[in-house]
N, C-alpha and C. Protein backbone atom coordinates (compact mmCIF):
# COMPACT_ATOMS: atom_id res chain seq x y z
N MET A 1 93.24 92.97 113.71
CA MET A 1 92.08 91.83 114.27
C MET A 1 90.93 91.66 113.47
N THR A 2 90.14 90.46 113.67
CA THR A 2 88.66 90.53 113.09
C THR A 2 87.98 90.82 114.17
N TYR A 3 86.93 91.74 113.88
CA TYR A 3 85.94 92.37 114.31
C TYR A 3 84.85 91.00 115.26
N LEU A 4 84.81 90.87 116.67
CA LEU A 4 84.03 89.80 117.19
C LEU A 4 83.12 90.71 118.32
N PRO A 5 81.82 90.44 117.78
CA PRO A 5 80.83 91.37 118.73
C PRO A 5 80.91 90.71 119.95
N ASN A 6 80.14 91.14 121.16
CA ASN A 6 80.02 90.72 122.60
C ASN A 6 78.50 90.04 122.32
N ALA A 7 78.63 88.76 123.07
CA ALA A 7 77.43 88.01 123.00
C ALA A 7 76.66 89.09 124.55
N ASP A 8 75.11 88.84 124.28
CA ASP A 8 74.36 89.00 125.23
C ASP A 8 74.82 89.06 126.96
N ALA A 9 75.48 87.49 126.92
CA ALA A 9 75.92 87.08 127.84
C ALA A 9 77.19 88.02 128.55
N GLU A 10 77.87 88.00 127.41
CA GLU A 10 79.20 88.76 127.79
C GLU A 10 78.83 90.11 128.27
N ARG A 11 77.95 91.02 127.86
CA ARG A 11 77.40 92.29 127.91
C ARG A 11 76.98 92.19 129.21
N ALA A 12 76.12 91.11 129.46
CA ALA A 12 75.57 91.28 131.03
C ALA A 12 76.69 91.18 131.98
N GLU A 13 77.77 90.13 131.82
CA GLU A 13 78.81 90.34 132.76
C GLU A 13 79.72 91.34 132.69
N MET A 14 79.80 91.97 131.91
CA MET A 14 80.59 93.56 131.80
C MET A 14 79.70 94.59 132.87
N LEU A 15 78.36 94.56 132.44
CA LEU A 15 77.75 95.39 133.15
C LEU A 15 77.97 95.04 134.62
N LYS A 16 77.76 93.96 134.95
CA LYS A 16 77.63 93.60 136.42
C LYS A 16 78.95 93.84 137.08
N ALA A 17 80.05 93.86 136.34
CA ALA A 17 81.09 94.28 137.00
C ALA A 17 81.12 95.62 137.09
N LEU A 18 80.59 96.39 136.40
CA LEU A 18 80.58 97.84 136.45
C LEU A 18 79.45 98.07 137.07
N GLU A 19 79.01 97.28 137.44
CA GLU A 19 77.49 97.83 138.87
C GLU A 19 76.91 98.55 137.95
N LEU A 20 76.38 98.17 136.82
CA LEU A 20 75.55 98.83 135.96
C LEU A 20 74.40 98.65 135.57
N GLU A 21 73.50 98.98 135.55
CA GLU A 21 72.33 98.39 135.16
C GLU A 21 71.84 98.00 133.47
N SER A 22 72.56 99.08 132.58
CA SER A 22 72.31 98.93 131.30
C SER A 22 73.53 100.02 130.61
N ILE A 23 73.69 99.77 129.42
CA ILE A 23 74.77 100.70 128.73
C ILE A 23 75.06 102.07 128.92
N ASP A 24 73.60 102.60 129.08
CA ASP A 24 72.92 103.96 129.29
C ASP A 24 74.33 104.52 130.73
N GLY A 25 74.15 103.72 131.47
CA GLY A 25 74.86 103.88 132.71
C GLY A 25 76.51 104.55 132.53
N LEU A 26 76.98 104.64 131.34
CA LEU A 26 78.29 105.00 131.02
C LEU A 26 78.25 106.39 130.52
N PHE A 27 76.97 106.70 130.48
CA PHE A 27 76.89 108.19 129.68
C PHE A 27 76.06 109.02 130.91
N THR A 28 76.09 108.40 131.70
CA THR A 28 75.41 109.46 132.97
C THR A 28 75.98 110.75 133.25
N HIS A 29 77.29 110.95 133.21
CA HIS A 29 77.82 112.02 133.28
C HIS A 29 77.81 113.16 132.21
N LEU A 30 77.23 112.81 131.01
CA LEU A 30 76.74 113.69 129.80
C LEU A 30 76.22 114.68 129.51
N PRO A 31 76.08 116.02 129.69
CA PRO A 31 74.84 116.92 130.11
C PRO A 31 73.70 116.41 129.40
N GLU A 32 72.07 116.59 129.64
CA GLU A 32 71.36 115.88 128.95
C GLU A 32 71.13 116.66 127.08
N ALA A 33 71.65 117.85 127.46
CA ALA A 33 71.59 118.81 126.24
C ALA A 33 72.29 118.01 124.92
N LEU A 34 73.33 117.53 125.24
CA LEU A 34 74.28 116.90 124.36
C LEU A 34 73.50 115.35 123.88
N LYS A 35 72.68 114.84 124.37
CA LYS A 35 72.41 113.78 124.35
C LYS A 35 71.15 113.22 123.03
N LEU A 36 70.92 112.91 122.18
CA LEU A 36 70.11 112.74 121.29
C LEU A 36 68.78 111.66 121.74
N ASP A 37 67.70 112.13 121.48
CA ASP A 37 66.36 111.01 121.74
C ASP A 37 66.41 109.98 121.18
N ARG A 38 66.81 110.13 119.80
CA ARG A 38 66.71 109.15 118.75
C ARG A 38 67.64 109.77 117.76
N VAL A 39 68.10 108.71 116.68
CA VAL A 39 68.87 109.28 115.69
C VAL A 39 68.08 109.00 114.39
N ASP A 40 67.98 110.32 113.57
CA ASP A 40 66.93 109.89 112.49
C ASP A 40 67.68 109.25 111.43
N LEU A 41 67.18 108.02 111.36
CA LEU A 41 67.61 107.28 110.17
C LEU A 41 66.15 106.48 109.98
N PRO A 42 66.35 106.16 108.38
CA PRO A 42 65.04 105.64 107.91
C PRO A 42 64.67 104.23 108.16
N GLU A 43 63.90 103.52 107.95
CA GLU A 43 63.59 102.00 108.54
C GLU A 43 64.75 101.06 108.00
N PRO A 44 65.17 100.36 108.54
CA PRO A 44 66.37 99.39 108.24
C PRO A 44 65.92 98.67 106.46
N LEU A 45 67.09 98.43 106.00
CA LEU A 45 66.73 98.01 104.55
C LEU A 45 67.64 96.37 104.73
N SER A 46 67.40 95.19 103.93
CA SER A 46 68.18 94.36 103.56
C SER A 46 69.17 94.31 102.71
N GLU A 47 69.99 93.44 102.25
CA GLU A 47 71.48 93.79 101.92
C GLU A 47 70.89 94.17 100.28
N VAL A 48 70.02 93.26 99.75
CA VAL A 48 69.51 93.41 98.73
C VAL A 48 69.15 94.86 98.05
N GLU A 49 67.99 95.33 99.09
CA GLU A 49 67.09 96.47 99.12
C GLU A 49 68.43 97.51 99.21
N LEU A 50 69.42 97.61 100.05
CA LEU A 50 70.27 98.33 100.32
C LEU A 50 71.13 98.79 99.09
N VAL A 51 71.68 97.49 98.53
CA VAL A 51 72.09 97.48 97.01
C VAL A 51 71.62 98.55 96.10
N GLN A 52 69.99 98.01 96.01
CA GLN A 52 69.07 98.74 94.96
C GLN A 52 69.32 100.13 95.29
N TYR A 53 69.42 100.57 96.52
CA TYR A 53 69.18 102.00 96.90
C TYR A 53 70.08 102.50 96.66
N VAL A 54 71.33 102.52 96.46
CA VAL A 54 72.71 102.63 96.50
C VAL A 54 72.81 103.14 94.85
N ARG A 55 72.31 101.86 94.33
CA ARG A 55 72.79 102.13 92.77
C ARG A 55 71.54 103.24 92.16
N GLU A 56 70.43 103.09 92.54
CA GLU A 56 69.19 104.41 92.20
C GLU A 56 69.97 105.76 92.53
N LEU A 57 70.95 105.91 93.87
CA LEU A 57 71.35 106.89 93.79
C LEU A 57 72.51 107.31 92.93
N GLY A 58 73.52 106.26 92.51
CA GLY A 58 74.46 106.33 91.64
C GLY A 58 73.97 106.49 90.05
N ARG A 59 72.74 106.32 89.66
CA ARG A 59 72.31 106.81 88.76
C ARG A 59 72.11 108.36 88.25
N LEU A 60 72.04 109.13 89.31
CA LEU A 60 71.72 110.55 89.61
C LEU A 60 73.15 110.97 88.79
N ASN A 61 74.35 110.56 88.92
CA ASN A 61 75.62 110.83 88.68
C ASN A 61 75.72 111.10 87.58
N ALA A 62 76.48 111.94 86.92
CA ALA A 62 77.30 112.24 85.68
C ALA A 62 78.18 111.04 85.48
N ARG A 63 78.15 110.06 84.76
CA ARG A 63 79.02 109.26 84.15
C ARG A 63 80.06 109.22 83.14
N ILE A 64 81.19 108.96 83.28
CA ILE A 64 82.49 108.95 82.05
C ILE A 64 82.75 108.03 81.58
N SER A 65 82.19 106.93 81.70
CA SER A 65 82.15 105.51 81.08
C SER A 65 82.06 105.63 79.54
N PRO A 66 81.23 106.10 78.93
CA PRO A 66 80.67 105.99 77.39
C PRO A 66 81.60 106.91 76.95
N ALA A 67 82.43 107.65 77.78
CA ALA A 67 83.24 108.88 76.45
C ALA A 67 85.05 108.66 77.16
N ASN A 68 85.53 109.25 76.95
CA ASN A 68 86.92 109.40 77.32
C ASN A 68 86.97 110.37 78.58
N SER A 69 88.05 110.02 79.22
CA SER A 69 88.33 110.90 80.95
C SER A 69 89.43 111.23 80.48
N PHE A 70 89.63 112.82 80.83
CA PHE A 70 91.24 113.48 80.86
C PHE A 70 91.26 114.27 82.21
N LEU A 71 90.43 113.53 83.25
CA LEU A 71 90.81 114.08 84.66
C LEU A 71 92.35 114.27 85.23
N GLY A 72 92.74 113.10 85.16
CA GLY A 72 94.21 112.77 85.55
C GLY A 72 94.40 112.83 87.08
N ALA A 73 95.38 113.12 87.58
CA ALA A 73 96.05 113.07 89.06
C ALA A 73 95.20 111.71 89.55
N GLY A 74 95.55 111.02 88.71
CA GLY A 74 95.00 109.12 89.31
C GLY A 74 93.52 108.88 89.31
N ALA A 75 92.80 110.04 88.54
CA ALA A 75 91.58 109.70 88.13
C ALA A 75 91.26 109.00 87.20
N SER A 76 91.30 107.62 87.10
CA SER A 76 91.55 107.27 85.50
C SER A 76 91.27 105.58 85.63
N ARG A 77 90.40 105.13 84.69
CA ARG A 77 89.71 103.73 84.71
C ARG A 77 90.70 102.67 84.94
N ARG A 78 90.32 101.68 85.97
CA ARG A 78 91.29 100.82 86.21
C ARG A 78 90.38 99.75 86.67
N PHE A 79 90.70 98.45 86.71
CA PHE A 79 90.17 97.09 87.05
C PHE A 79 90.63 96.54 88.40
N SER A 80 89.98 96.54 89.18
CA SER A 80 90.88 96.00 90.38
C SER A 80 90.16 94.61 90.89
N PRO A 81 90.90 93.25 90.87
CA PRO A 81 90.55 92.31 90.60
C PRO A 81 89.52 92.05 92.39
N ALA A 82 88.67 90.97 92.43
CA ALA A 82 88.06 90.76 93.36
C ALA A 82 88.99 90.46 94.65
N ILE A 83 89.59 89.76 94.29
CA ILE A 83 90.62 88.91 95.20
C ILE A 83 91.52 90.10 95.91
N VAL A 84 91.85 91.09 95.39
CA VAL A 84 92.93 92.03 96.01
C VAL A 84 92.10 92.40 97.47
N ASN A 85 90.93 93.00 97.72
CA ASN A 85 90.35 92.96 98.52
C ASN A 85 90.43 91.73 99.69
N GLN A 86 90.42 90.53 99.48
CA GLN A 86 90.80 89.44 100.11
C GLN A 86 91.77 89.45 100.54
N VAL A 87 93.25 89.99 99.90
CA VAL A 87 94.59 89.75 100.34
C VAL A 87 94.80 90.84 101.09
N ILE A 88 94.71 91.80 100.82
CA ILE A 88 94.98 93.47 101.64
C ILE A 88 94.04 93.19 102.92
N SER A 89 93.02 92.53 103.16
CA SER A 89 92.26 92.36 104.48
C SER A 89 92.72 92.03 105.40
N ARG A 90 93.87 90.64 105.05
CA ARG A 90 94.41 89.91 105.87
C ARG A 90 95.46 90.65 106.72
N PRO A 91 95.56 90.61 107.90
CA PRO A 91 96.41 91.51 109.17
C PRO A 91 97.77 91.54 109.01
N ASP A 92 98.33 90.37 108.46
CA ASP A 92 99.76 90.60 107.81
C ASP A 92 99.79 91.47 106.67
N PHE A 93 98.78 92.16 105.83
CA PHE A 93 99.21 93.01 105.26
C PHE A 93 98.65 94.54 105.62
N TYR A 94 98.54 94.48 106.76
CA TYR A 94 97.51 95.86 107.05
C TYR A 94 98.95 96.59 107.14
N THR A 95 99.79 96.54 107.23
CA THR A 95 100.84 97.32 107.45
C THR A 95 102.22 97.37 106.43
N THR A 96 102.92 98.51 106.43
CA THR A 96 104.14 98.55 105.46
C THR A 96 105.48 98.23 106.04
N TYR A 97 104.96 98.32 107.82
CA TYR A 97 106.48 97.84 108.31
C TYR A 97 106.82 96.44 108.03
N THR A 98 108.21 96.04 108.09
CA THR A 98 108.44 94.74 107.94
C THR A 98 108.32 94.00 108.92
N PRO A 99 107.44 92.96 108.91
CA PRO A 99 107.86 92.09 110.27
C PRO A 99 108.75 91.67 111.17
N TYR A 100 109.02 91.66 112.34
CA TYR A 100 109.93 91.29 112.83
C TYR A 100 109.82 89.70 113.20
N GLN A 101 108.55 89.19 113.32
CA GLN A 101 108.43 87.70 114.17
C GLN A 101 108.53 87.07 112.59
N ALA A 102 109.98 86.54 112.02
CA ALA A 102 110.34 85.81 110.91
C ALA A 102 109.43 84.48 110.86
N GLU A 103 109.29 84.21 112.11
CA GLU A 103 108.61 82.68 111.90
C GLU A 103 107.40 82.81 111.59
N ALA A 104 106.36 84.10 111.98
CA ALA A 104 105.32 83.98 111.83
C ALA A 104 104.59 84.80 110.60
N SER A 105 105.90 85.04 109.64
CA SER A 105 105.60 85.86 108.84
C SER A 105 106.05 85.61 107.26
N GLN A 106 106.01 84.48 107.37
CA GLN A 106 106.96 83.83 105.97
C GLN A 106 106.21 84.10 104.60
N GLY A 107 104.83 84.24 104.67
CA GLY A 107 104.31 84.90 103.45
C GLY A 107 104.56 85.92 103.26
N THR A 108 104.55 87.09 104.14
CA THR A 108 104.83 88.34 103.64
C THR A 108 106.44 88.54 103.38
N LEU A 109 106.72 88.10 104.22
CA LEU A 109 108.74 87.94 103.72
C LEU A 109 108.48 87.36 102.19
N GLN A 110 108.02 86.55 101.85
CA GLN A 110 108.17 85.91 100.83
C GLN A 110 107.71 86.85 99.56
N ALA A 111 106.89 87.43 99.81
CA ALA A 111 106.21 88.41 98.92
C ALA A 111 106.96 89.49 98.37
N THR A 112 107.85 90.30 99.74
CA THR A 112 108.21 90.87 99.75
C THR A 112 109.56 90.73 98.71
N TYR A 113 109.99 89.45 99.17
CA TYR A 113 111.51 89.30 98.46
C TYR A 113 111.37 89.02 97.07
N GLU A 114 110.06 88.42 96.55
CA GLU A 114 109.57 88.46 95.05
C GLU A 114 109.33 90.03 94.24
N PHE A 115 108.90 90.95 95.33
CA PHE A 115 108.63 92.31 94.87
C PHE A 115 110.36 92.62 94.53
N GLN A 116 110.77 92.94 95.22
CA GLN A 116 112.42 93.76 95.35
C GLN A 116 113.27 92.49 94.15
N SER A 117 113.05 91.14 93.93
CA SER A 117 113.50 90.46 92.97
C SER A 117 113.20 91.01 91.62
N MET A 118 111.81 91.11 91.18
CA MET A 118 111.22 91.70 90.26
C MET A 118 111.55 93.22 89.95
N ILE A 119 111.75 93.75 90.97
CA ILE A 119 112.07 94.93 90.60
C ILE A 119 113.52 95.34 90.24
N THR A 120 114.29 94.91 90.87
CA THR A 120 116.02 94.50 90.24
C THR A 120 115.73 94.18 89.02
N LEU A 121 115.10 93.14 88.50
CA LEU A 121 114.96 92.75 87.09
C LEU A 121 114.66 93.97 86.02
N LEU A 122 113.61 94.32 86.40
CA LEU A 122 112.81 95.26 86.00
C LEU A 122 113.76 96.56 85.68
N THR A 123 114.75 97.42 86.72
CA THR A 123 115.07 98.43 86.53
C THR A 123 116.80 98.23 86.40
N GLY A 124 117.02 96.82 86.03
CA GLY A 124 118.69 96.73 86.39
C GLY A 124 119.73 97.08 87.64
N LEU A 125 118.92 97.49 88.72
CA LEU A 125 120.01 97.75 89.67
C LEU A 125 120.60 96.63 90.57
N ASP A 126 121.45 96.83 91.23
CA ASP A 126 121.83 95.31 91.92
C ASP A 126 120.94 95.26 93.15
N VAL A 127 120.05 96.24 94.07
CA VAL A 127 119.50 95.89 95.18
C VAL A 127 118.04 97.02 94.98
N ALA A 128 117.11 96.44 95.85
CA ALA A 128 115.65 97.46 95.40
C ALA A 128 114.93 97.17 97.09
N ASN A 129 114.56 98.56 97.60
CA ASN A 129 114.19 98.22 98.91
C ASN A 129 112.59 98.13 98.66
N ALA A 130 111.78 97.67 99.82
CA ALA A 130 110.51 97.71 99.94
C ALA A 130 110.14 98.32 101.07
N SER A 131 108.71 98.18 101.19
CA SER A 131 107.96 98.38 102.64
C SER A 131 107.86 100.20 102.77
N LEU A 132 107.79 100.64 101.60
CA LEU A 132 107.58 102.09 101.44
C LEU A 132 105.70 102.40 101.57
N TYR A 133 105.50 103.42 101.87
CA TYR A 133 104.34 103.65 102.00
C TYR A 133 103.33 103.68 100.93
N ASP A 134 103.82 104.73 99.85
CA ASP A 134 103.03 104.82 98.88
C ASP A 134 103.83 105.34 97.67
N GLY A 135 103.21 105.73 96.67
CA GLY A 135 104.35 106.24 95.50
C GLY A 135 105.13 107.57 95.77
N ALA A 136 104.07 108.18 96.23
CA ALA A 136 105.05 110.06 96.17
C ALA A 136 105.82 109.69 97.40
N THR A 137 106.04 108.99 98.57
CA THR A 137 106.91 108.83 99.60
C THR A 137 108.01 107.79 99.18
N ALA A 138 107.81 107.09 97.98
CA ALA A 138 108.75 106.01 97.23
C ALA A 138 109.53 107.25 96.42
N LEU A 139 108.98 108.13 95.77
CA LEU A 139 109.64 109.14 94.76
C LEU A 139 110.30 109.85 95.99
N ALA A 140 109.95 110.51 96.91
CA ALA A 140 110.75 111.53 97.88
C ALA A 140 111.92 110.84 98.28
N GLU A 141 111.84 109.40 98.70
CA GLU A 141 112.93 108.59 98.82
C GLU A 141 113.77 108.68 98.42
N ALA A 142 113.74 108.15 96.83
CA ALA A 142 114.51 107.89 96.15
C ALA A 142 115.14 109.20 95.65
N THR A 143 114.52 110.08 95.81
CA THR A 143 115.19 111.55 95.37
C THR A 143 115.99 111.94 96.15
N ALA A 144 115.59 111.62 97.92
CA ALA A 144 116.70 112.10 98.94
C ALA A 144 117.98 111.20 98.64
N MET A 145 117.67 109.77 98.23
CA MET A 145 118.91 108.95 98.13
C MET A 145 119.95 109.45 97.19
N ALA A 146 119.33 110.04 96.02
CA ALA A 146 120.17 110.34 94.70
C ALA A 146 120.78 111.66 95.27
N VAL A 147 119.82 112.47 95.96
CA VAL A 147 120.84 114.00 96.46
C VAL A 147 122.14 113.63 97.33
N ALA A 148 121.57 112.88 98.39
CA ALA A 148 122.89 112.47 98.99
C ALA A 148 123.95 110.96 98.40
N HIS A 149 123.65 110.61 97.39
CA HIS A 149 124.52 109.85 96.79
C HIS A 149 125.53 110.37 95.96
N THR A 150 124.92 111.69 95.49
CA THR A 150 125.68 112.31 94.06
C THR A 150 126.44 113.85 94.63
N ASN A 151 125.72 114.36 95.97
CA ASN A 151 126.03 114.98 96.89
C ASN A 151 126.01 116.59 95.83
N ARG A 152 124.75 116.38 94.95
CA ARG A 152 124.25 117.70 94.50
C ARG A 152 122.91 117.98 94.86
N GLN A 153 122.44 119.02 94.49
CA GLN A 153 121.57 119.91 95.42
C GLN A 153 120.56 120.41 94.14
N ASN A 154 120.45 119.46 93.28
CA ASN A 154 119.63 120.15 92.28
C ASN A 154 118.35 119.13 91.77
N VAL A 155 117.17 119.26 91.77
CA VAL A 155 116.84 118.12 91.28
C VAL A 155 115.31 118.22 90.12
N VAL A 156 115.71 117.74 88.95
CA VAL A 156 114.42 118.21 88.23
C VAL A 156 113.40 117.36 87.48
N VAL A 157 112.30 118.05 87.86
CA VAL A 157 110.77 117.28 87.30
C VAL A 157 110.61 117.79 86.00
N ALA A 158 110.33 116.73 85.07
CA ALA A 158 109.91 117.19 83.74
C ALA A 158 108.56 116.58 83.74
N GLY A 159 107.67 117.69 82.81
CA GLY A 159 106.46 117.63 82.62
C GLY A 159 105.61 117.54 83.76
N ALA A 160 104.35 116.93 83.76
CA ALA A 160 103.48 117.06 84.92
C ALA A 160 103.47 115.78 85.68
N LEU A 161 103.66 116.12 87.03
CA LEU A 161 103.82 115.38 88.15
C LEU A 161 102.53 115.60 88.70
N HIS A 162 102.15 114.60 89.80
CA HIS A 162 100.97 114.51 90.20
C HIS A 162 100.97 115.59 91.27
N PRO A 163 99.94 116.21 91.56
CA PRO A 163 100.15 117.39 92.48
C PRO A 163 100.36 116.55 94.01
N GLU A 164 99.98 115.46 94.06
CA GLU A 164 100.21 114.93 95.89
C GLU A 164 101.46 114.08 95.55
N TYR A 165 102.32 113.66 94.67
CA TYR A 165 103.91 113.80 94.81
C TYR A 165 104.57 114.85 94.83
N ALA A 166 104.24 115.66 94.14
CA ALA A 166 105.06 117.26 93.89
C ALA A 166 104.92 117.54 95.75
N GLN A 167 104.18 117.84 96.10
CA GLN A 167 104.06 118.21 97.60
C GLN A 167 104.74 117.40 98.45
N VAL A 168 104.71 116.08 98.50
CA VAL A 168 105.45 115.26 99.43
C VAL A 168 107.07 115.32 98.95
N LEU A 169 107.49 115.53 97.43
CA LEU A 169 108.50 116.08 97.64
C LEU A 169 109.04 117.25 97.67
N LYS A 170 108.05 118.25 97.78
CA LYS A 170 108.65 119.40 98.46
C LYS A 170 108.90 119.77 99.87
N THR A 171 108.34 118.85 100.32
CA THR A 171 108.32 118.96 101.82
C THR A 171 109.70 117.91 102.57
N TYR A 172 109.93 117.28 101.53
CA TYR A 172 111.21 116.31 101.80
C TYR A 172 112.71 117.46 101.34
N SER A 173 112.07 118.20 100.46
CA SER A 173 113.13 119.03 100.02
C SER A 173 113.57 119.99 100.89
N GLU A 174 112.58 120.86 101.43
CA GLU A 174 112.69 121.80 102.43
C GLU A 174 113.46 121.11 103.70
N ALA A 175 113.56 120.10 104.16
CA ALA A 175 114.23 119.44 105.30
C ALA A 175 115.82 118.92 104.71
N GLN A 176 115.75 118.79 103.26
CA GLN A 176 117.28 117.97 103.08
C GLN A 176 117.70 119.28 102.67
N GLN A 177 117.01 120.54 102.21
CA GLN A 177 117.53 121.60 101.43
C GLN A 177 118.48 121.44 100.05
N TYR A 178 117.42 120.75 99.09
CA TYR A 178 117.51 120.61 97.90
C TYR A 178 116.66 121.48 97.02
N GLU A 179 117.30 121.89 95.38
CA GLU A 179 115.97 122.65 94.75
C GLU A 179 115.43 121.94 93.77
N ILE A 180 114.23 122.10 93.59
CA ILE A 180 113.38 121.43 92.41
C ILE A 180 113.23 122.08 91.45
N LEU A 181 113.61 121.95 90.24
CA LEU A 181 113.54 122.50 89.15
C LEU A 181 112.21 122.04 87.92
N ARG A 182 111.37 122.50 87.75
CA ARG A 182 110.25 122.06 87.33
C ARG A 182 110.26 122.52 85.83
N VAL A 183 110.14 121.30 84.97
CA VAL A 183 110.00 121.76 83.14
C VAL A 183 109.05 121.48 82.84
N ALA A 184 108.14 122.87 82.62
CA ALA A 184 106.56 122.55 81.76
C ALA A 184 106.66 121.71 80.94
N PRO A 185 105.92 120.93 81.05
CA PRO A 185 105.39 120.26 79.34
C PRO A 185 104.96 121.10 78.35
N GLY A 186 104.97 120.48 77.03
CA GLY A 186 104.80 121.16 75.91
C GLY A 186 103.56 121.20 75.82
N ALA A 187 103.15 122.25 74.65
CA ALA A 187 101.69 122.22 74.45
C ALA A 187 100.87 121.26 74.29
N ASP A 188 101.48 120.42 73.83
CA ASP A 188 100.76 118.99 73.16
C ASP A 188 100.97 118.09 74.56
N GLY A 189 101.04 118.55 75.93
CA GLY A 189 101.23 117.68 76.85
C GLY A 189 101.98 116.94 77.09
N ARG A 190 103.02 116.85 76.47
CA ARG A 190 104.44 115.81 76.77
C ARG A 190 105.68 116.25 76.80
N VAL A 191 106.49 115.87 77.66
CA VAL A 191 107.90 116.37 78.27
C VAL A 191 108.58 116.91 76.91
N ASP A 192 109.02 118.66 77.24
CA ASP A 192 109.63 119.38 76.06
C ASP A 192 110.96 118.96 76.27
N LEU A 193 111.59 118.12 75.42
CA LEU A 193 112.96 117.37 75.44
C LEU A 193 113.93 118.53 75.45
N ALA A 194 113.74 119.66 74.55
CA ALA A 194 114.93 120.73 74.31
C ALA A 194 114.78 121.65 75.67
N LYS A 195 113.87 121.75 76.31
CA LYS A 195 113.86 122.80 77.71
C LYS A 195 114.58 121.29 78.76
N LEU A 196 114.53 120.35 78.38
CA LEU A 196 114.56 119.26 79.68
C LEU A 196 116.38 119.13 79.20
N GLU A 197 116.73 119.02 78.34
CA GLU A 197 118.21 118.99 78.01
C GLU A 197 118.99 120.15 78.55
N GLN A 198 118.30 121.50 78.44
CA GLN A 198 118.77 122.28 79.35
C GLN A 198 118.79 122.68 80.43
N ALA A 199 117.84 122.14 81.21
CA ALA A 199 117.99 121.78 82.63
C ALA A 199 118.81 120.92 83.54
N VAL A 200 119.00 119.79 82.87
CA VAL A 200 119.88 118.79 83.44
C VAL A 200 121.22 119.64 82.95
N THR A 201 122.11 119.78 84.21
CA THR A 201 123.53 120.02 84.58
C THR A 201 124.50 119.31 85.16
N SER A 202 125.47 119.40 84.99
CA SER A 202 126.20 118.99 85.95
C SER A 202 125.66 118.88 87.72
N THR A 203 124.99 119.62 87.74
CA THR A 203 124.52 120.15 89.49
C THR A 203 123.50 119.25 89.86
N THR A 204 122.74 118.56 89.08
CA THR A 204 121.23 117.95 88.91
C THR A 204 121.68 116.09 89.45
N ALA A 205 120.95 116.22 90.72
CA ALA A 205 121.10 114.93 91.30
C ALA A 205 120.45 113.84 90.80
N ALA A 206 119.06 114.08 90.43
CA ALA A 206 117.89 113.12 89.89
C ALA A 206 117.09 113.87 88.59
N LEU A 207 116.45 112.91 88.13
CA LEU A 207 115.48 113.68 87.03
C LEU A 207 114.28 112.99 87.24
N ILE A 208 112.98 113.42 87.10
CA ILE A 208 111.60 112.89 87.53
C ILE A 208 110.98 112.75 86.51
N LEU A 209 110.28 111.69 86.12
CA LEU A 209 109.45 111.59 85.18
C LEU A 209 108.34 110.54 85.44
N GLN A 210 107.37 111.15 85.15
CA GLN A 210 106.11 110.58 85.51
C GLN A 210 105.14 110.35 84.35
């Protein structure tokens, strides 16, 4: 829901209903020692001044843009179009839960349908799910499905896996009781195909590559 501040008249009406003279009356039960006389903030800035101030602070940082970055773990250069923030700020996109009121959520349902259709085309699968929280959860859910479907208790992770993905996968494995076998990447950072071939056996439920 969009944040709407209260007008002065509305504040006065609420204070009257509470039989208070000011907003400070709501905090009279707090010990004086816990109250601050004032917040130590600088003088207010206009939007232009604030942007300039933040930019000046930013210039103190070491920039990676002129050079190649090998930070990894999701820290990579990316461009996010301005419209993305506008779309995801809509209340109907705040949550990953499937909407229950179809008559009021046609846009979300259409977007979900298009997403699932594209995923089935890209992967060649008959069906595709939606409404998972993030990539790590999607990975863990897919692995859990593979373990349940194949009735096998071994999962092979090939090469480097994002540490947050690995942690979520480990949490799921403890509940579902399957084993995770990690095949370390080669010296060049790529998947070691020879080790991978040895790791995948008839007990392997899924092979994970990122």
